[in-house]
Amino acid sequence: MRCYPPQIAFAIVLSAASCALPGCAPEVGSEGWCEQMAATPTSEWSLKDTGDYAGSCVIPLPGKVGSEAWCKEIRQKAPADWSANDAKNYASQCLLP
């Protein structure tokens, strides 16, 4: 069994608990979000949705949250230097894909 620092363990629990709530939508830019947007008629997209989809799903950036490069980079930082957002994204995008 792997042991994680308290910040990571807390982020895992927090992410799992927040997704247990009804209506939990995938994080913008994640693979699940891209699949959900692809199934949604483009007439229902907002301008922001269009930009997010293009930047996350059509032309993925190498350092975007959840990418292999991002996960590797965040692992090299000391967990004490992570923001709460970093911990949440690491847990949801790198540990629980």
PDB file of N, CA and C in Angstrom:
ATOM      1  N   MET A   1       0.842  -1.185   0.000  1.00  0.00           N
ATOM      2  CA  MET A   1       0.000   0.000   0.000  1.00  0.00           C
ATOM      3  C   MET A   1       0.877   1.235   0.000  1.00  0.00           C
ATOM      4  N   ARG A   2       0.532   2.220  -0.830  1.00  0.00           N
ATOM      5  CA  ARG A   2       1.312   3.451  -0.919  1.00  0.00           C
ATOM      6  C   ARG A   2       0.879   4.424   0.167  1.00  0.00           C
ATOM      7  N   CYS A   3       1.840   5.111   0.723  1.00  0.00           N
ATOM      8  CA  CYS A   3       1.552   6.175   1.690  1.00  0.00           C
ATOM      9  C   CYS A   3       1.817   7.508   1.011  1.00  0.00           C
ATOM     10  N   TYR A   4       0.867   8.415   1.128  1.00  0.00           N
ATOM     11  CA  TYR A   4       0.994   9.735   0.530  1.00  0.00           C
ATOM     12  C   TYR A   4       1.111  10.782   1.628  1.00  0.00           C
ATOM     13  N   PRO A   5       1.792  11.883   1.333  1.00  0.00           N
ATOM     14  CA  PRO A   5       1.835  12.981   2.300  1.00  0.00           C
ATOM     15  C   PRO A   5       0.413  13.443   2.617  1.00  0.00           C
ATOM     16  N   PRO A   6       0.204  14.036   3.800  1.00  0.00           N
ATOM     17  CA  PRO A   6      -1.149  14.444   4.194  1.00  0.00           C
ATOM     18  C   PRO A   6      -1.858  15.332   3.180  1.00  0.00           C
ATOM     19  N   GLN A   7      -1.105  16.240   2.504  1.00  0.00           N
ATOM     20  CA  GLN A   7      -1.748  17.128   1.532  1.00  0.00           C
ATOM     21  C   GLN A   7      -2.337  16.333   0.376  1.00  0.00           C
ATOM     22  N   ILE A   8      -1.605  15.327  -0.077  1.00  0.00           N
ATOM     23  CA  ILE A   8      -2.075  14.523  -1.211  1.00  0.00           C
ATOM     24  C   ILE A   8      -3.244  13.653  -0.773  1.00  0.00           C
ATOM     25  N   ALA A   9      -3.126  13.042   0.404  1.00  0.00           N
ATOM     26  CA  ALA A   9      -4.215  12.204   0.914  1.00  0.00           C
ATOM     27  C   ALA A   9      -5.489  13.026   1.062  1.00  0.00           C
ATOM     28  N   PHE A  10      -5.353  14.240   1.594  1.00  0.00           N
ATOM     29  CA  PHE A  10      -6.511  15.121   1.751  1.00  0.00           C
ATOM     30  C   PHE A  10      -7.107  15.465   0.391  1.00  0.00           C
ATOM     31  N   ALA A  11      -6.253  15.743  -0.587  1.00  0.00           N
ATOM     32  CA  ALA A  11      -6.734  16.089  -1.925  1.00  0.00           C
ATOM     33  C   ALA A  11      -7.476  14.922  -2.560  1.00  0.00           C
ATOM     34  N   ILE A  12      -6.992  13.712  -2.335  1.00  0.00           N
ATOM     35  CA  ILE A  12      -7.659  12.526  -2.883  1.00  0.00           C
ATOM     36  C   ILE A  12      -9.050  12.378  -2.274  1.00  0.00           C
ATOM     37  N   VAL A  13      -9.113  12.497  -0.956  1.00  0.00           N
ATOM     38  CA  VAL A  13     -10.402  12.373  -0.268  1.00  0.00           C
ATOM     39  C   VAL A  13     -11.348  13.481  -0.711  1.00  0.00           C
ATOM     40  N   LEU A  14     -10.838  14.702  -0.791  1.00  0.00           N
ATOM     41  CA  LEU A  14     -11.655  15.837  -1.196  1.00  0.00           C
ATOM     42  C   LEU A  14     -12.171  15.657  -2.618  1.00  0.00           C
ATOM     43  N   SER A  15     -11.327  15.212  -3.524  1.00  0.00           N
ATOM     44  CA  SER A  15     -11.741  15.003  -4.915  1.00  0.00           C
ATOM     45  C   SER A  15     -12.796  13.912  -5.016  1.00  0.00           C
ATOM     46  N   ALA A  16     -12.558  12.825  -4.302  1.00  0.00           N
ATOM     47  CA  ALA A  16     -13.517  11.718  -4.337  1.00  0.00           C
ATOM     48  C   ALA A  16     -14.854  12.146  -3.747  1.00  0.00           C
ATOM     49  N   ALA A  17     -14.812  12.893  -2.642  1.00  0.00           N
ATOM     50  CA  ALA A  17     -16.052  13.339  -2.004  1.00  0.00           C
ATOM     51  C   ALA A  17     -16.803  14.323  -2.890  1.00  0.00           C
ATOM     52  N   SER A  18     -16.096  15.229  -3.535  1.00  0.00           N
ATOM     53  CA  SER A  18     -16.772  16.217  -4.362  1.00  0.00           C
ATOM     54  C   SER A  18     -17.406  15.579  -5.592  1.00  0.00           C
ATOM     55  N   CYS A  19     -16.813  14.518  -6.100  1.00  0.00           N
ATOM     56  CA  CYS A  19     -17.385  13.848  -7.275  1.00  0.00           C
ATOM     57  C   CYS A  19     -18.512  12.897  -6.901  1.00  0.00           C
ATOM     58  N   ALA A  20     -18.663  12.626  -5.615  1.00  0.00           N
ATOM     59  CA  ALA A  20     -19.764  11.778  -5.174  1.00  0.00           C
ATOM     60  C   ALA A  20     -21.075  12.556  -5.152  1.00  0.00           C
ATOM     61  N   LEU A  21     -20.980  13.877  -5.187  1.00  0.00           N
ATOM     62  CA  LEU A  21     -22.173  14.708  -5.182  1.00  0.00           C
ATOM     63  C   LEU A  21     -22.886  14.598  -6.526  1.00  0.00           C
ATOM     64  N   PRO A  22     -24.200  14.680  -6.529  1.00  0.00           N
ATOM     65  CA  PRO A  22     -24.923  14.627  -7.801  1.00  0.00           C
ATOM     66  C   PRO A  22     -24.537  15.799  -8.698  1.00  0.00           C
ATOM     67  N   GLY A  23     -24.485  15.535  -9.972  1.00  0.00           N
ATOM     68  CA  GLY A  23     -24.200  16.599 -10.926  1.00  0.00           C
ATOM     69  C   GLY A  23     -22.730  16.931 -11.057  1.00  0.00           C
ATOM     70  N   CYS A  24     -21.865  16.063 -10.585  1.00  0.00           N
ATOM     71  CA  CYS A  24     -20.426  16.317 -10.680  1.00  0.00           C
ATOM     72  C   CYS A  24     -20.017  16.233 -12.150  1.00  0.00           C
ATOM     73  N   ALA A  25     -19.505  17.326 -12.656  1.00  0.00           N
ATOM     74  CA  ALA A  25     -19.094  17.383 -14.052  1.00  0.00           C
ATOM     75  C   ALA A  25     -17.584  17.218 -14.142  1.00  0.00           C
ATOM     76  N   PRO A  26     -17.083  16.653 -15.227  1.00  0.00           N
ATOM     77  CA  PRO A  26     -15.637  16.518 -15.375  1.00  0.00           C
ATOM     78  C   PRO A  26     -14.967  17.888 -15.424  1.00  0.00           C
ATOM     79  N   GLU A  27     -13.729  17.950 -14.991  1.00  0.00           N
ATOM     80  CA  GLU A  27     -12.990  19.206 -14.990  1.00  0.00           C
ATOM     81  C   GLU A  27     -12.739  19.658 -16.427  1.00  0.00           C
ATOM     82  N   VAL A  28     -12.899  20.950 -16.636  1.00  0.00           N
ATOM     83  CA  VAL A  28     -12.684  21.523 -17.974  1.00  0.00           C
ATOM     84  C   VAL A  28     -11.284  21.158 -18.457  1.00  0.00           C
ATOM     85  N   GLY A  29     -11.202  20.618 -19.655  1.00  0.00           N
ATOM     86  CA  GLY A  29      -9.929  20.244 -20.254  1.00  0.00           C
ATOM     87  C   GLY A  29      -9.550  18.788 -20.047  1.00  0.00           C
ATOM     88  N   SER A  30     -10.248  18.090 -19.134  1.00  0.00           N
ATOM     89  CA  SER A  30      -9.926  16.684 -18.892  1.00  0.00           C
ATOM     90  C   SER A  30     -10.443  15.835 -20.054  1.00  0.00           C
ATOM     91  N   GLU A  31      -9.978  14.605 -20.107  1.00  0.00           N
ATOM     92  CA  GLU A  31     -10.405  13.703 -21.178  1.00  0.00           C
ATOM     93  C   GLU A  31     -11.915  13.503 -21.153  1.00  0.00           C
ATOM     94  N   GLY A  32     -12.469  13.346 -19.947  1.00  0.00           N
ATOM     95  CA  GLY A  32     -13.913  13.172 -19.806  1.00  0.00           C
ATOM     96  C   GLY A  32     -14.690  14.391 -20.290  1.00  0.00           C
ATOM     97  N   TRP A  33     -14.154  15.571 -19.992  1.00  0.00           N
ATOM     98  CA  TRP A  33     -14.799  16.807 -20.431  1.00  0.00           C
ATOM     99  C   TRP A  33     -14.765  16.901 -21.952  1.00  0.00           C
ATOM    100  N   CYS A  34     -13.628  16.562 -22.549  1.00  0.00           N
ATOM    101  CA  CYS A  34     -13.519  16.598 -24.018  1.00  0.00           C
ATOM    102  C   CYS A  34     -14.539  15.657 -24.653  1.00  0.00           C
ATOM    103  N   GLU A  35     -14.699  14.468 -24.079  1.00  0.00           N
ATOM    104  CA  GLU A  35     -15.669  13.506 -24.614  1.00  0.00           C
ATOM    105  C   GLU A  35     -17.093  14.036 -24.462  1.00  0.00           C
ATOM    106  N   GLN A  36     -17.367  14.654 -23.299  1.00  0.00           N
ATOM    107  CA  GLN A  36     -18.692  15.219 -23.052  1.00  0.00           C
ATOM    108  C   GLN A  36     -18.990  16.356 -24.037  1.00  0.00           C
ATOM    109  N   MET A  37     -18.014  17.221 -24.277  1.00  0.00           N
ATOM    110  CA  MET A  37     -18.213  18.330 -25.201  1.00  0.00           C
ATOM    111  C   MET A  37     -18.376  17.827 -26.635  1.00  0.00           C
ATOM    112  N   ALA A  38     -17.643  16.794 -27.002  1.00  0.00           N
ATOM    113  CA  ALA A  38     -17.757  16.245 -28.357  1.00  0.00           C
ATOM    114  C   ALA A  38     -19.166  15.707 -28.602  1.00  0.00           C
ATOM    115  N   ALA A  39     -19.825  15.227 -27.541  1.00  0.00           N
ATOM    116  CA  ALA A  39     -21.177  14.688 -27.670  1.00  0.00           C
ATOM    117  C   ALA A  39     -22.251  15.775 -27.593  1.00  0.00           C
ATOM    118  N   THR A  40     -21.863  16.982 -27.196  1.00  0.00           N
ATOM    119  CA  THR A  40     -22.802  18.099 -27.073  1.00  0.00           C
ATOM    120  C   THR A  40     -22.845  18.874 -28.393  1.00  0.00           C
ATOM    121  N   PRO A  41     -24.026  19.191 -28.892  1.00  0.00           N
ATOM    122  CA  PRO A  41     -24.093  19.972 -30.139  1.00  0.00           C
ATOM    123  C   PRO A  41     -23.367  21.315 -29.971  1.00  0.00           C
ATOM    124  N   THR A  42     -22.595  21.690 -30.967  1.00  0.00           N
ATOM    125  CA  THR A  42     -21.817  22.935 -30.873  1.00  0.00           C
ATOM    126  C   THR A  42     -22.712  24.160 -30.745  1.00  0.00           C
ATOM    127  N   SER A  43     -23.965  24.049 -31.141  1.00  0.00           N
ATOM    128  CA  SER A  43     -24.892  25.178 -30.988  1.00  0.00           C
ATOM    129  C   SER A  43     -25.168  25.476 -29.518  1.00  0.00           C
ATOM    130  N   GLU A  44     -24.876  24.518 -28.637  1.00  0.00           N
ATOM    131  CA  GLU A  44     -25.091  24.706 -27.205  1.00  0.00           C
ATOM    132  C   GLU A  44     -23.825  25.174 -26.484  1.00  0.00           C
ATOM    133  N   TRP A  45     -22.708  25.296 -27.197  1.00  0.00           N
ATOM    134  CA  TRP A  45     -21.449  25.712 -26.589  1.00  0.00           C
ATOM    135  C   TRP A  45     -21.420  27.223 -26.410  1.00  0.00           C
ATOM    136  N   SER A  46     -20.777  27.668 -25.336  1.00  0.00           N
ATOM    137  CA  SER A  46     -20.527  29.097 -25.167  1.00  0.00           C
ATOM    138  C   SER A  46     -19.210  29.424 -25.878  1.00  0.00           C
ATOM    139  N   LEU A  47     -18.918  30.703 -25.983  1.00  0.00           N
ATOM    140  CA  LEU A  47     -17.644  31.111 -26.574  1.00  0.00           C
ATOM    141  C   LEU A  47     -16.482  30.558 -25.750  1.00  0.00           C
ATOM    142  N   LYS A  48     -16.626  30.565 -24.431  1.00  0.00           N
ATOM    143  CA  LYS A  48     -15.585  30.025 -23.551  1.00  0.00           C
ATOM    144  C   LYS A  48     -15.420  28.519 -23.780  1.00  0.00           C
ATOM    145  N   ASP A  49     -16.535  27.795 -23.909  1.00  0.00           N
ATOM    146  CA  ASP A  49     -16.471  26.355 -24.188  1.00  0.00           C
ATOM    147  C   ASP A  49     -15.683  26.085 -25.463  1.00  0.00           C
ATOM    148  N   THR A  50     -15.941  26.899 -26.494  1.00  0.00           N
ATOM    149  CA  THR A  50     -15.258  26.727 -27.780  1.00  0.00           C
ATOM    150  C   THR A  50     -13.755  26.912 -27.619  1.00  0.00           C
ATOM    151  N   GLY A  51     -13.351  27.966 -26.905  1.00  0.00           N
ATOM    152  CA  GLY A  51     -11.930  28.214 -26.678  1.00  0.00           C
ATOM    153  C   GLY A  51     -11.284  27.135 -25.836  1.00  0.00           C
ATOM    154  N   ASP A  52     -11.983  26.714 -24.768  1.00  0.00           N
ATOM    155  CA  ASP A  52     -11.449  25.649 -23.910  1.00  0.00           C
ATOM    156  C   ASP A  52     -11.313  24.335 -24.681  1.00  0.00           C
ATOM    157  N   TYR A  53     -12.315  24.029 -25.504  1.00  0.00           N
ATOM    158  CA  TYR A  53     -12.276  22.786 -26.288  1.00  0.00           C
ATOM    159  C   TYR A  53     -11.106  22.815 -27.274  1.00  0.00           C
ATOM    160  N   ALA A  54     -10.940  23.936 -27.955  1.00  0.00           N
ATOM    161  CA  ALA A  54      -9.848  24.045 -28.927  1.00  0.00           C
ATOM    162  C   ALA A  54      -8.494  23.903 -28.235  1.00  0.00           C
ATOM    163  N   GLY A  55      -8.328  24.565 -27.104  1.00  0.00           N
ATOM    164  CA  GLY A  55      -7.040  24.543 -26.418  1.00  0.00           C
ATOM    165  C   GLY A  55      -6.760  23.263 -25.657  1.00  0.00           C
ATOM    166  N   SER A  56      -7.803  22.534 -25.278  1.00  0.00           N
ATOM    167  CA  SER A  56      -7.604  21.328 -24.467  1.00  0.00           C
ATOM    168  C   SER A  56      -7.778  20.032 -25.236  1.00  0.00           C
ATOM    169  N   CYS A  57      -8.645  20.039 -26.228  1.00  0.00           N
ATOM    170  CA  CYS A  57      -9.002  18.783 -26.894  1.00  0.00           C
ATOM    171  C   CYS A  57      -8.485  18.687 -28.333  1.00  0.00           C
ATOM    172  N   VAL A  58      -8.477  19.811 -29.048  1.00  0.00           N
ATOM    173  CA  VAL A  58      -8.050  19.802 -30.444  1.00  0.00           C
ATOM    174  C   VAL A  58      -6.542  19.998 -30.545  1.00  0.00           C
ATOM    175  N   ILE A  59      -6.036  20.994 -29.846  1.00  0.00           N
ATOM    176  CA  ILE A  59      -4.600  21.305 -29.854  1.00  0.00           C
ATOM    177  C   ILE A  59      -4.107  21.253 -28.409  1.00  0.00           C
ATOM    178  N   PRO A  60      -3.951  20.033 -27.846  1.00  0.00           N
ATOM    179  CA  PRO A  60      -3.545  19.945 -26.446  1.00  0.00           C
ATOM    180  C   PRO A  60      -2.146  20.526 -26.229  1.00  0.00           C
ATOM    181  N   LEU A  61      -2.030  21.307 -25.193  1.00  0.00           N
ATOM    182  CA  LEU A  61      -0.744  21.902 -24.854  1.00  0.00           C
ATOM    183  C   LEU A  61       0.076  20.911 -24.041  1.00  0.00           C
ATOM    184  N   PRO A  62       1.398  20.835 -24.260  1.00  0.00           N
ATOM    185  CA  PRO A  62       2.215  19.832 -23.572  1.00  0.00           C
ATOM    186  C   PRO A  62       2.260  20.002 -22.059  1.00  0.00           C
ATOM    187  N   GLY A  63       2.105  21.212 -21.545  1.00  0.00           N
ATOM    188  CA  GLY A  63       2.193  21.420 -20.101  1.00  0.00           C
ATOM    189  C   GLY A  63       0.852  21.616 -19.434  1.00  0.00           C
ATOM    190  N   LYS A  64      -0.248  21.211 -20.115  1.00  0.00           N
ATOM    191  CA  LYS A  64      -1.556  21.443 -19.531  1.00  0.00           C
ATOM    192  C   LYS A  64      -1.796  20.495 -18.371  1.00  0.00           C
ATOM    193  N   VAL A  65      -2.619  20.932 -17.436  1.00  0.00           N
ATOM    194  CA  VAL A  65      -2.924  20.147 -16.250  1.00  0.00           C
ATOM    195  C   VAL A  65      -3.410  18.766 -16.662  1.00  0.00           C
ATOM    196  N   GLY A  66      -2.835  17.749 -16.050  1.00  0.00           N
ATOM    197  CA  GLY A  66      -3.223  16.376 -16.325  1.00  0.00           C
ATOM    198  C   GLY A  66      -2.390  15.704 -17.402  1.00  0.00           C
ATOM    199  N   SER A  67      -1.610  16.483 -18.150  1.00  0.00           N
ATOM    200  CA  SER A  67      -0.755  15.872 -19.166  1.00  0.00           C
ATOM    201  C   SER A  67       0.378  15.136 -18.468  1.00  0.00           C
ATOM    202  N   GLU A  68       0.982  14.218 -19.170  1.00  0.00           N
ATOM    203  CA  GLU A  68       2.101  13.455 -18.609  1.00  0.00           C
ATOM    204  C   GLU A  68       3.222  14.394 -18.161  1.00  0.00           C
ATOM    205  N   ALA A  69       3.495  15.420 -18.949  1.00  0.00           N
ATOM    206  CA  ALA A  69       4.552  16.372 -18.612  1.00  0.00           C
ATOM    207  C   ALA A  69       4.199  17.142 -17.341  1.00  0.00           C
ATOM    208  N   TRP A  70       2.940  17.542 -17.197  1.00  0.00           N
ATOM    209  CA  TRP A  70       2.522  18.280 -16.007  1.00  0.00           C
ATOM    210  C   TRP A  70       2.631  17.403 -14.763  1.00  0.00           C
ATOM    211  N   CYS A  71       2.161  16.156 -14.863  1.00  0.00           N
ATOM    212  CA  CYS A  71       2.235  15.237 -13.720  1.00  0.00           C
ATOM    213  C   CYS A  71       3.687  15.010 -13.309  1.00  0.00           C
ATOM    214  N   LYS A  72       4.568  14.849 -14.282  1.00  0.00           N
ATOM    215  CA  LYS A  72       5.982  14.644 -13.971  1.00  0.00           C
ATOM    216  C   LYS A  72       6.569  15.891 -13.294  1.00  0.00           C
ATOM    217  N   GLU A  73       6.209  17.065 -13.804  1.00  0.00           N
ATOM    218  CA  GLU A  73       6.729  18.313 -13.249  1.00  0.00           C
ATOM    219  C   GLU A  73       6.246  18.530 -11.812  1.00  0.00           C
ATOM    220  N   ILE A  74       4.978  18.245 -11.545  1.00  0.00           N
ATOM    221  CA  ILE A  74       4.432  18.473 -10.199  1.00  0.00           C
ATOM    222  C   ILE A  74       5.033  17.487  -9.202  1.00  0.00           C
ATOM    223  N   ARG A  75       5.349  16.270  -9.655  1.00  0.00           N
ATOM    224  CA  ARG A  75       5.978  15.284  -8.767  1.00  0.00           C
ATOM    225  C   ARG A  75       7.357  15.743  -8.310  1.00  0.00           C
ATOM    226  N   GLN A  76       8.005  16.559  -9.112  1.00  0.00           N
ATOM    227  CA  GLN A  76       9.352  17.023  -8.769  1.00  0.00           C
ATOM    228  C   GLN A  76       9.324  18.175  -7.770  1.00  0.00           C
ATOM    229  N   LYS A  77       8.163  18.825  -7.599  1.00  0.00           N
ATOM    230  CA  LYS A  77       8.036  19.897  -6.618  1.00  0.00           C
ATOM    231  C   LYS A  77       7.757  19.295  -5.240  1.00  0.00           C
ATOM    232  N   ALA A  78       8.232  19.956  -4.200  1.00  0.00           N
ATOM    233  CA  ALA A  78       7.922  19.523  -2.838  1.00  0.00           C
ATOM    234  C   ALA A  78       6.430  19.751  -2.594  1.00  0.00           C
ATOM    235  N   PRO A  79       5.714  18.763  -2.033  1.00  0.00           N
ATOM    236  CA  PRO A  79       4.279  18.941  -1.787  1.00  0.00           C
ATOM    237  C   PRO A  79       3.955  20.192  -0.968  1.00  0.00           C
ATOM    238  N   ALA A  80       4.867  20.619  -0.128  1.00  0.00           N
ATOM    239  CA  ALA A  80       4.628  21.836   0.656  1.00  0.00           C
ATOM    240  C   ALA A  80       4.535  23.068  -0.246  1.00  0.00           C
ATOM    241  N   ASP A  81       5.090  22.989  -1.449  1.00  0.00           N
ATOM    242  CA  ASP A  81       5.057  24.106  -2.399  1.00  0.00           C
ATOM    243  C   ASP A  81       3.843  24.057  -3.326  1.00  0.00           C
ATOM    244  N   TRP A  82       3.033  23.013  -3.203  1.00  0.00           N
ATOM    245  CA  TRP A  82       1.852  22.881  -4.050  1.00  0.00           C
ATOM    246  C   TRP A  82       0.749  23.796  -3.549  1.00  0.00           C
ATOM    247  N   SER A  83      -0.015  24.328  -4.478  1.00  0.00           N
ATOM    248  CA  SER A  83      -1.225  25.055  -4.092  1.00  0.00           C
ATOM    249  C   SER A  83      -2.330  24.013  -3.861  1.00  0.00           C
ATOM    250  N   ALA A  84      -3.425  24.452  -3.273  1.00  0.00           N
ATOM    251  CA  ALA A  84      -4.560  23.542  -3.084  1.00  0.00           C
ATOM    252  C   ALA A  84      -5.050  23.042  -4.441  1.00  0.00           C
ATOM    253  N   ASN A  85      -5.005  23.909  -5.443  1.00  0.00           N
ATOM    254  CA  ASN A  85      -5.416  23.530  -6.794  1.00  0.00           C
ATOM    255  C   ASN A  85      -4.475  22.482  -7.378  1.00  0.00           C
ATOM    256  N   ASP A  86      -3.162  22.644  -7.134  1.00  0.00           N
ATOM    257  CA  ASP A  86      -2.186  21.651  -7.606  1.00  0.00           C
ATOM    258  C   ASP A  86      -2.502  20.285  -7.013  1.00  0.00           C
ATOM    259  N   ALA A  87      -2.765  20.251  -5.700  1.00  0.00           N
ATOM    260  CA  ALA A  87      -3.055  18.976  -5.024  1.00  0.00           C
ATOM    261  C   ALA A  87      -4.324  18.342  -5.577  1.00  0.00           C
ATOM    262  N   LYS A  88      -5.364  19.147  -5.772  1.00  0.00           N
ATOM    263  CA  LYS A  88      -6.628  18.635  -6.313  1.00  0.00           C
ATOM    264  C   LYS A  88      -6.425  18.096  -7.728  1.00  0.00           C
ATOM    265  N   ASN A  89      -5.726  18.879  -8.565  1.00  0.00           N
ATOM    266  CA  ASN A  89      -5.502  18.455  -9.942  1.00  0.00           C
ATOM    267  C   ASN A  89      -4.614  17.221 -10.007  1.00  0.00           C
ATOM    268  N   TYR A  90      -3.586  17.153  -9.141  1.00  0.00           N
ATOM    269  CA  TYR A  90      -2.698  15.994  -9.123  1.00  0.00           C
ATOM    270  C   TYR A  90      -3.507  14.743  -8.770  1.00  0.00           C
ATOM    271  N   ALA A  91      -4.340  14.863  -7.738  1.00  0.00           N
ATOM    272  CA  ALA A  91      -5.122  13.710  -7.309  1.00  0.00           C
ATOM    273  C   ALA A  91      -6.094  13.258  -8.391  1.00  0.00           C
ATOM    274  N   SER A  92      -6.782  14.204  -9.018  1.00  0.00           N
ATOM    275  CA  SER A  92      -7.799  13.820  -9.997  1.00  0.00           C
ATOM    276  C   SER A  92      -7.224  13.485 -11.370  1.00  0.00           C
ATOM    277  N   GLN A  93      -6.108  14.083 -11.751  1.00  0.00           N
ATOM    278  CA  GLN A  93      -5.583  13.887 -13.095  1.00  0.00           C
ATOM    279  C   GLN A  93      -4.423  12.902 -13.182  1.00  0.00           C
ATOM    280  N   CYS A  94      -3.638  12.773 -12.112  1.00  0.00           N
ATOM    281  CA  CYS A  94      -2.435  11.937 -12.175  1.00  0.00           C
ATOM    282  C   CYS A  94      -2.594  10.617 -11.392  1.00  0.00           C
ATOM    283  N   LEU A  95      -3.327  10.661 -10.276  1.00  0.00           N
ATOM    284  CA  LEU A  95      -3.481   9.466  -9.451  1.00  0.00           C
ATOM    285  C   LEU A  95      -4.715   8.655  -9.819  1.00  0.00           C
ATOM    286  N   LEU A  96      -5.789   9.351 -10.147  1.00  0.00           N
ATOM    287  CA  LEU A  96      -7.080   8.690 -10.416  1.00  0.00           C
ATOM    288  C   LEU A  96      -7.548   8.974 -11.833  1.00  0.00           C
ATOM    289  N   PRO A  97      -6.764   8.598 -12.847  1.00  0.00           N
ATOM    290  CA  PRO A  97      -7.177   8.939 -14.212  1.00  0.00           C
ATOM    291  C   PRO A  97      -8.380   8.163 -14.683  1.00  0.00           C
TER     292      PRO A  97
END
